[in-house]
Amino acid sequence: MSQKQYIGIDNDPQGAMNPTGNIIRDAWVFGLIPETETCVGWTPQGLDALYDKVSVEWNKYGHLVSNLPSELADKHHRIYQEAVKQARDKGWDPDSVLEED
């Protein structure tokens, strides 16, 4: 039986506005992986290992964007601003999580 693999941030529904997408975008911010790396084909273990590395970096800044040095803060803003635009273009609605059934 083959192991489950990630479909890649570019193929993730609604622009990957989920924890996995955030891990990948944060890894881009911190330079842990190149911004061209979509993580397509990665296993859950590979994504968990990336999460651990991202967490180490965020710990240095108290997990707050406002504590990032300006270069990283600018990079974070650029990456996340583009991600939100792309996600909205794919139909992501941040208010939908507030709607009750």
Protein backbone atom coordinates (compact mmCIF):
# COMPACT_ATOMS: atom_id res chain seq x y z
CA MET A 1 0.00 0.00 0.00
CA SER A 2 1.42 3.38 -0.97
CA GLN A 3 1.79 6.15 1.55
CA LYS A 4 -0.38 9.24 1.33
CA GLN A 5 1.35 12.19 -0.34
CA TYR A 6 0.60 15.90 -0.30
CA ILE A 7 -0.92 17.32 -3.51
CA GLY A 8 1.16 20.50 -3.36
CA ILE A 9 0.32 23.98 -2.15
CA ASP A 10 -0.64 25.06 -5.69
CA ASN A 11 -3.16 22.20 -5.97
CA ASP A 12 -4.55 22.43 -2.43
CA PRO A 13 -8.23 23.44 -2.52
CA GLN A 14 -9.08 27.09 -1.94
CA GLY A 15 -5.51 28.28 -2.03
CA ALA A 16 -4.18 26.14 0.81
CA MET A 17 -5.62 28.40 3.49
CA ASN A 18 -5.06 25.70 6.07
CA PRO A 19 -2.35 24.61 8.51
CA THR A 20 -0.34 22.77 5.83
CA GLY A 21 -0.34 25.81 3.57
CA ASN A 22 0.76 28.00 6.46
CA ILE A 23 3.65 25.67 7.26
CA ILE A 24 4.86 25.83 3.67
CA ARG A 25 4.48 29.61 3.40
CA ASP A 26 6.29 30.08 6.71
CA ALA A 27 9.08 27.79 5.51
CA TRP A 28 9.40 30.09 2.49
CA VAL A 29 9.54 33.13 4.77
CA PHE A 30 12.36 31.64 6.83
CA GLY A 31 14.24 30.32 3.80
CA LEU A 32 13.90 26.70 4.89
CA ILE A 33 12.74 25.74 1.41
CA PRO A 34 12.79 27.79 -1.80
CA GLU A 35 9.61 29.63 -2.74
CA THR A 36 9.44 27.41 -5.81
CA GLU A 37 9.02 24.32 -3.59
CA THR A 38 5.31 23.39 -3.54
CA CYS A 39 5.87 20.22 -1.50
CA VAL A 40 3.98 18.12 -4.03
CA GLY A 41 4.55 14.45 -3.26
CA TRP A 42 5.74 15.08 0.29
CA THR A 43 4.73 12.55 2.91
CA PRO A 44 3.04 13.48 6.18
CA GLN A 45 6.37 12.76 7.91
CA GLY A 46 8.18 15.20 5.63
CA LEU A 47 5.60 17.91 6.32
CA ASP A 48 5.83 17.19 10.07
CA ALA A 49 9.61 17.59 9.91
CA LEU A 50 9.15 20.90 8.07
CA TYR A 51 6.65 22.00 10.74
CA ASP A 52 9.26 21.28 13.42
CA LYS A 53 11.82 23.45 11.61
CA VAL A 54 9.30 26.26 11.11
CA SER A 55 8.40 26.11 14.81
CA VAL A 56 12.06 26.50 15.80
CA GLU A 57 12.24 29.66 13.68
CA TRP A 58 8.98 31.11 15.01
CA ASN A 59 10.13 30.45 18.59
CA LYS A 60 12.93 32.98 18.02
CA TYR A 61 10.30 35.68 17.47
CA GLY A 62 7.65 34.64 19.98
CA HIS A 63 5.44 33.43 17.13
CA LEU A 64 4.59 37.06 16.27
CA VAL A 65 4.99 38.66 12.87
CA SER A 66 5.49 41.99 14.65
CA ASN A 67 8.70 40.60 16.19
CA LEU A 68 10.24 39.62 12.85
CA PRO A 69 13.15 41.68 11.56
CA SER A 70 12.02 44.01 8.77
CA GLU A 71 13.43 41.83 5.98
CA LEU A 72 11.48 38.78 7.19
CA ALA A 73 8.38 40.84 7.98
CA ASP A 74 8.38 42.26 4.46
CA LYS A 75 8.83 38.78 3.00
CA HIS A 76 6.00 37.43 5.19
CA HIS A 77 3.70 40.25 4.09
CA ARG A 78 4.48 39.67 0.40
CA ILE A 79 4.00 35.90 0.58
CA TYR A 80 0.79 36.04 2.57
CA GLN A 81 -0.69 38.93 0.59
CA GLU A 82 -0.20 36.96 -2.63
CA ALA A 83 -1.57 33.78 -0.99
CA VAL A 84 -4.76 35.55 0.08
CA LYS A 85 -5.25 36.98 -3.42
CA GLN A 86 -4.75 33.58 -5.05
CA ALA A 87 -7.03 31.86 -2.53
CA ARG A 88 -9.82 34.38 -3.08
CA ASP A 89 -9.43 33.88 -6.84
CA LYS A 90 -9.97 30.13 -6.20
CA GLY A 91 -13.14 30.78 -4.19
CA TRP A 92 -11.82 30.91 -0.64
CA ASP A 93 -14.08 32.94 1.63
CA PRO A 94 -12.57 33.61 5.07
CA ASP A 95 -16.00 34.51 6.44
CA SER A 96 -17.42 31.08 5.56
CA VAL A 97 -15.89 29.57 8.70
CA LEU A 98 -18.03 31.96 10.74
CA GLU A 99 -21.29 30.83 9.17
CA GLU A 100 -23.39 28.45 11.20
CA ASP A 101 -25.21 25.50 9.68
